Amino acid sequence: MQGKTAIITGGGSGFGRETALKLAQRGVNISVVDLSKEKGEETVHLCEKLGSDAIFIQADVSKVEDVKKYVIETVDRFGKIDLFFNNAGISGSGVRTLECSEEEFDTIVDVNLKGVFYGLKYVVNEMLKTGGGSIVNTASLGGLVGMPTLGAYSATKHAVIGLTKTIAGEYGRDHIRINAIAPGTNETPMVKAFPAEAIKAMADAVPMGRLGQPHEVGNVVAFLLSDEASYIHGAVISIDSGSAAL
């Protein structure tokens, strides 16, 4: 993967940061896209310490002009886009689905679904110019099963899986591979902020009896983006300790 270029949205923390570090170890040039300047620049610094040429681009993925910006700035800096981790997303306030406000529902759709669509639209266009590439979209366990109190989130993640499979059928012959991951509950900064008893309850509900770690997701994403996964296309890879099988 030496010398390839990747865009990672939501690269300031969690799955995005861990994937950035995995790719940096392999000599990939990285555009870290995030709303948080502080977190995004920290990821860039960590990638640079590993020898990667990395830049930070502040962007709101729900705004199409921001998406165009991160694509243009990446191409201006590195000349091409080979890899894309279409990862940025939000969850929700945790109320029963029909109690979710229209404003919150729209915001979740704008980030989790439109943001993924916009990223695909403009990144794939660049990949077509240079002969192909590899893409991973972040779906969720909530894209495979219903998630009470996270209805809007779950709906958008089901939609991300639908987009992934459809675009796989449309662009495979253009040498663009696209897959999705479906992580379960991971020990991300957001989850760490929950009360200890809530974290224990989440861990107890997992077949392996523990929460996932973001680097475990990063390992899978880095593999899917690499040529080692050259015949994996249109797939949804569960990283959930078997939770979807229950």
Protein backbone atom coordinates (compact mmCIF):
# COMPACT_ATOMS: atom_id res chain seq x y z
CA MET A 1 0.00 0.00 0.00
CA GLN A 2 3.09 2.20 0.02
CA GLY A 3 2.40 5.52 -1.72
CA LYS A 4 -1.36 5.09 -2.00
CA THR A 5 -3.70 7.86 -0.85
CA ALA A 6 -6.65 7.44 1.52
CA ILE A 7 -9.44 9.69 2.71
CA ILE A 8 -10.86 8.87 6.14
CA THR A 9 -13.96 10.71 7.31
CA GLY A 10 -14.50 10.84 11.05
CA GLY A 11 -10.74 10.39 11.26
CA GLY A 12 -10.32 12.33 14.48
CA SER A 13 -11.18 9.46 16.82
CA GLY A 14 -12.51 5.92 17.14
CA PHE A 15 -12.56 3.69 14.07
CA GLY A 16 -11.35 6.50 11.84
CA ARG A 17 -8.23 7.21 13.88
CA GLU A 18 -7.36 3.55 14.35
CA THR A 19 -7.70 2.91 10.62
CA ALA A 20 -5.56 5.96 9.86
CA LEU A 21 -2.81 4.59 12.10
CA LYS A 22 -2.98 1.16 10.47
CA LEU A 23 -2.69 2.70 7.02
CA ALA A 24 0.08 5.08 8.11
CA GLN A 25 2.13 2.05 9.20
CA ARG A 26 1.82 0.79 5.62
CA GLY A 27 3.07 4.02 4.03
CA VAL A 28 -0.29 5.40 2.89
CA ASN A 29 -0.80 9.16 2.41
CA ILE A 30 -3.82 10.17 4.45
CA SER A 31 -6.43 12.93 4.42
CA VAL A 32 -8.01 13.03 7.86
CA VAL A 33 -11.49 14.55 7.60
CA ASP A 34 -13.31 15.56 10.76
CA LEU A 35 -15.45 18.32 12.26
CA SER A 36 -13.06 18.64 15.20
CA LYS A 37 -9.88 20.49 14.30
CA GLU A 38 -8.20 19.45 17.54
CA LYS A 39 -8.93 15.74 17.15
CA GLY A 40 -8.23 15.71 13.43
CA GLU A 41 -4.87 17.40 13.81
CA GLU A 42 -3.96 15.00 16.60
CA THR A 43 -4.58 12.07 14.27
CA VAL A 44 -2.43 13.74 11.61
CA HIS A 45 0.38 14.16 14.13
CA LEU A 46 0.17 10.48 15.11
CA CYS A 47 0.25 9.43 11.44
CA GLU A 48 3.25 11.63 10.75
CA LYS A 49 5.13 10.02 13.65
CA LEU A 50 4.63 6.71 11.80
CA GLY A 51 6.13 8.20 8.63
CA SER A 52 2.93 8.99 6.75
CA ASP A 53 2.32 12.16 4.76
CA ALA A 54 -0.99 13.26 6.31
CA ILE A 55 -3.19 16.35 6.18
CA PHE A 56 -6.25 17.48 8.09
CA ILE A 57 -9.35 18.79 6.33
CA GLN A 58 -12.14 20.21 8.46
CA ALA A 59 -15.50 19.29 6.96
CA ASP A 60 -19.13 18.56 7.75
CA VAL A 61 -19.98 15.49 5.67
CA SER A 62 -23.67 16.44 5.60
CA LYS A 63 -22.82 19.51 3.49
CA VAL A 64 -22.12 18.70 -0.14
CA GLU A 65 -19.77 21.67 -0.57
CA ASP A 66 -17.65 20.38 2.32
CA VAL A 67 -17.51 16.95 0.71
CA LYS A 68 -16.39 18.46 -2.58
CA LYS A 69 -13.77 20.40 -0.61
CA TYR A 70 -12.20 17.35 1.02
CA VAL A 71 -12.07 15.56 -2.33
CA ILE A 72 -10.51 18.53 -4.14
CA GLU A 73 -7.97 19.25 -1.40
CA THR A 74 -6.90 15.60 -1.30
CA VAL A 75 -6.38 15.45 -5.06
CA ASP A 76 -4.55 18.78 -5.03
CA ARG A 77 -2.15 17.49 -2.37
CA PHE A 78 -1.65 13.87 -3.38
CA GLY A 79 -2.80 13.70 -7.02
CA LYS A 80 -5.32 10.90 -6.64
CA ILE A 81 -7.58 8.93 -4.29
CA ASP A 82 -6.96 5.18 -3.99
CA LEU A 83 -8.70 4.33 -0.72
CA PHE A 84 -11.77 5.73 1.03
CA PHE A 85 -13.04 4.95 4.52
CA ASN A 86 -16.51 6.54 4.44
CA ASN A 87 -16.89 6.45 8.18
CA ALA A 88 -18.28 9.64 9.79
CA GLY A 89 -21.59 9.24 11.57
CA ILE A 90 -23.72 10.10 14.60
CA SER A 91 -26.11 8.10 16.77
CA GLY A 92 -29.03 9.95 18.38
CA SER A 93 -30.57 10.89 21.69
CA GLY A 94 -31.84 7.40 22.58
CA VAL A 95 -35.60 7.90 22.65
CA ARG A 96 -38.23 5.57 21.27
CA THR A 97 -38.33 5.92 17.51
CA LEU A 98 -41.69 7.65 17.21
CA GLU A 99 -40.68 10.12 19.91
CA CYS A 100 -37.70 11.26 17.87
CA SER A 101 -38.14 14.84 16.69
CA GLU A 102 -38.28 15.59 12.97
CA GLU A 103 -35.24 17.81 13.37
CA GLU A 104 -33.16 15.05 14.98
CA PHE A 105 -34.31 12.49 12.42
CA ASP A 106 -33.33 14.81 9.57
CA THR A 107 -29.92 15.51 11.12
CA ILE A 108 -29.13 11.80 11.48
CA VAL A 109 -30.20 11.15 7.88
CA ASP A 110 -28.13 14.11 6.66
CA VAL A 111 -24.94 12.86 8.32
CA ASN A 112 -25.27 9.07 8.19
CA LEU A 113 -26.94 8.62 4.82
CA LYS A 114 -26.52 11.75 2.73
CA GLY A 115 -22.96 12.17 4.00
CA VAL A 116 -22.11 8.65 2.84
CA PHE A 117 -23.86 9.20 -0.50
CA TYR A 118 -22.08 12.50 -1.14
CA GLY A 119 -18.74 10.90 -0.32
CA LEU A 120 -19.37 8.03 -2.72
CA LYS A 121 -20.56 10.37 -5.46
CA TYR A 122 -17.47 12.56 -5.50
CA VAL A 123 -14.80 10.05 -4.52
CA VAL A 124 -15.91 7.43 -7.05
CA ASN A 125 -15.79 10.11 -9.74
CA GLU A 126 -12.10 10.67 -8.94
CA MET A 127 -11.36 6.94 -8.77
CA LEU A 128 -12.83 6.47 -12.23
CA LYS A 129 -10.22 8.90 -13.57
CA THR A 130 -7.31 6.87 -12.21
CA GLY A 131 -8.43 3.29 -12.84
CA GLY A 132 -10.23 2.30 -9.65
CA GLY A 133 -9.88 2.07 -5.90
CA SER A 134 -11.22 0.50 -2.73
CA ILE A 135 -13.96 1.82 -0.43
CA VAL A 136 -15.29 0.80 2.98
CA ASN A 137 -18.52 2.29 4.31
CA THR A 138 -19.29 2.20 8.02
CA ALA A 139 -22.68 0.62 8.65
CA SER A 140 -23.41 -0.97 12.04
CA LEU A 141 -24.89 -3.89 13.88
CA GLY A 142 -27.89 -1.53 13.73
CA GLY A 143 -27.87 -1.98 9.96
CA LEU A 144 -28.48 -5.71 10.38
CA VAL A 145 -30.99 -5.72 13.24
CA GLY A 146 -33.39 -3.27 14.83
CA MET A 147 -32.06 -1.09 17.64
CA PRO A 148 -34.73 0.10 20.08
CA THR A 149 -34.33 3.80 20.97
CA LEU A 150 -32.02 4.30 17.96
CA GLY A 151 -34.54 4.01 15.15
CA ALA A 152 -33.24 6.81 12.93
CA TYR A 153 -29.68 5.58 13.36
CA SER A 154 -30.66 2.00 12.55
CA ALA A 155 -32.64 3.10 9.49
CA THR A 156 -29.68 5.02 8.08
CA LYS A 157 -27.30 2.14 8.67
CA HIS A 158 -29.66 -0.25 6.86
CA ALA A 159 -29.62 2.28 4.01
CA VAL A 160 -25.81 2.39 3.98
CA ILE A 161 -25.79 -1.38 3.44
CA GLY A 162 -28.26 -0.98 0.58
CA LEU A 163 -26.09 1.70 -1.03
CA THR A 164 -22.99 -0.45 -0.64
CA LYS A 165 -24.51 -3.49 -2.32
CA THR A 166 -26.08 -1.47 -5.12
CA ILE A 167 -22.94 0.49 -5.97
CA ALA A 168 -20.92 -2.73 -5.84
CA GLY A 169 -23.09 -4.03 -8.65
CA GLU A 170 -22.70 -0.84 -10.64
CA TYR A 171 -18.96 -0.17 -10.40
CA GLY A 172 -17.22 -3.53 -9.98
CA ARG A 173 -16.19 -3.62 -13.65
CA ASP A 174 -14.61 -0.21 -13.19
CA HIS A 175 -12.17 -1.79 -10.71
CA ILE A 176 -13.80 -0.06 -7.74
CA ARG A 177 -14.30 -2.42 -4.82
CA ILE A 178 -16.79 -1.40 -2.15
CA ASN A 179 -17.67 -3.12 1.10
CA ALA A 180 -19.32 -2.23 4.40
CA ILE A 181 -18.48 -3.03 7.99
CA ALA A 182 -21.08 -3.63 10.70
CA PRO A 183 -19.41 -3.04 14.06
CA GLY A 184 -21.13 -3.92 17.29
CA THR A 185 -20.67 -2.04 20.56
CA ASN A 186 -17.11 -0.78 20.89
CA GLU A 187 -15.23 0.99 23.65
CA THR A 188 -15.19 4.31 21.86
CA PRO A 189 -14.91 7.69 23.64
CA MET A 190 -18.70 8.05 23.43
CA VAL A 191 -19.30 4.71 25.15
CA LYS A 192 -16.61 5.35 27.76
CA ALA A 193 -18.63 8.39 28.87
CA PHE A 194 -21.56 6.17 29.90
CA PRO A 195 -22.06 5.18 33.57
CA ALA A 196 -20.05 2.13 34.61
CA GLU A 197 -23.16 0.01 35.14
CA ALA A 198 -24.38 0.79 31.61
CA ILE A 199 -21.02 -0.21 30.13
CA LYS A 200 -21.08 -3.47 32.09
CA ALA A 201 -24.61 -4.22 30.86
CA MET A 202 -23.55 -3.64 27.26
CA ALA A 203 -20.53 -5.92 27.68
CA ASP A 204 -22.62 -8.64 29.35
CA ALA A 205 -24.98 -8.64 26.35
CA VAL A 206 -22.15 -9.49 23.93
CA PRO A 207 -21.51 -13.22 23.24
CA MET A 208 -17.79 -12.83 24.00
CA GLY A 209 -18.61 -10.95 27.19
CA ARG A 210 -16.66 -7.80 26.36
CA LEU A 211 -16.89 -4.67 24.27
CA GLY A 212 -14.94 -4.37 21.04
CA GLN A 213 -11.89 -2.16 20.72
CA PRO A 214 -11.61 0.43 17.94
CA HIS A 215 -8.27 -0.98 16.80
CA GLU A 216 -9.99 -4.32 16.13
CA VAL A 217 -12.26 -2.53 13.67
CA GLY A 218 -9.28 -0.67 12.20
CA ASN A 219 -7.57 -4.00 11.49
CA VAL A 220 -10.53 -5.17 9.42
CA VAL A 221 -10.93 -1.90 7.52
CA ALA A 222 -7.23 -1.79 6.62
CA PHE A 223 -7.49 -5.36 5.32
CA LEU A 224 -10.61 -4.62 3.25
CA LEU A 225 -8.97 -1.57 1.70
CA SER A 226 -5.86 -3.54 0.78
CA ASP A 227 -5.18 -5.76 -2.22
CA GLU A 228 -5.21 -8.71 0.18
CA ALA A 229 -9.02 -8.42 -0.02
CA SER A 230 -9.01 -8.20 -3.81
CA TYR A 231 -12.01 -10.55 -4.30
CA ILE A 232 -14.16 -9.21 -1.47
CA HIS A 233 -16.74 -6.92 -3.05
CA GLY A 234 -20.27 -5.94 -2.06
CA ALA A 235 -19.87 -7.62 1.32
CA VAL A 236 -21.03 -6.59 4.78
CA ILE A 237 -18.51 -7.70 7.37
CA SER A 238 -19.83 -8.04 10.92
CA ILE A 239 -17.38 -7.06 13.66
CA ASP A 240 -19.69 -7.66 16.58
CA SER A 241 -18.60 -10.77 18.51
CA GLY A 242 -21.62 -12.63 17.12
CA SER A 243 -24.24 -10.16 18.38
CA ALA A 244 -26.13 -10.17 15.06
CA ALA A 245 -26.51 -13.94 15.30
CA LEU A 246 -28.48 -13.81 18.53
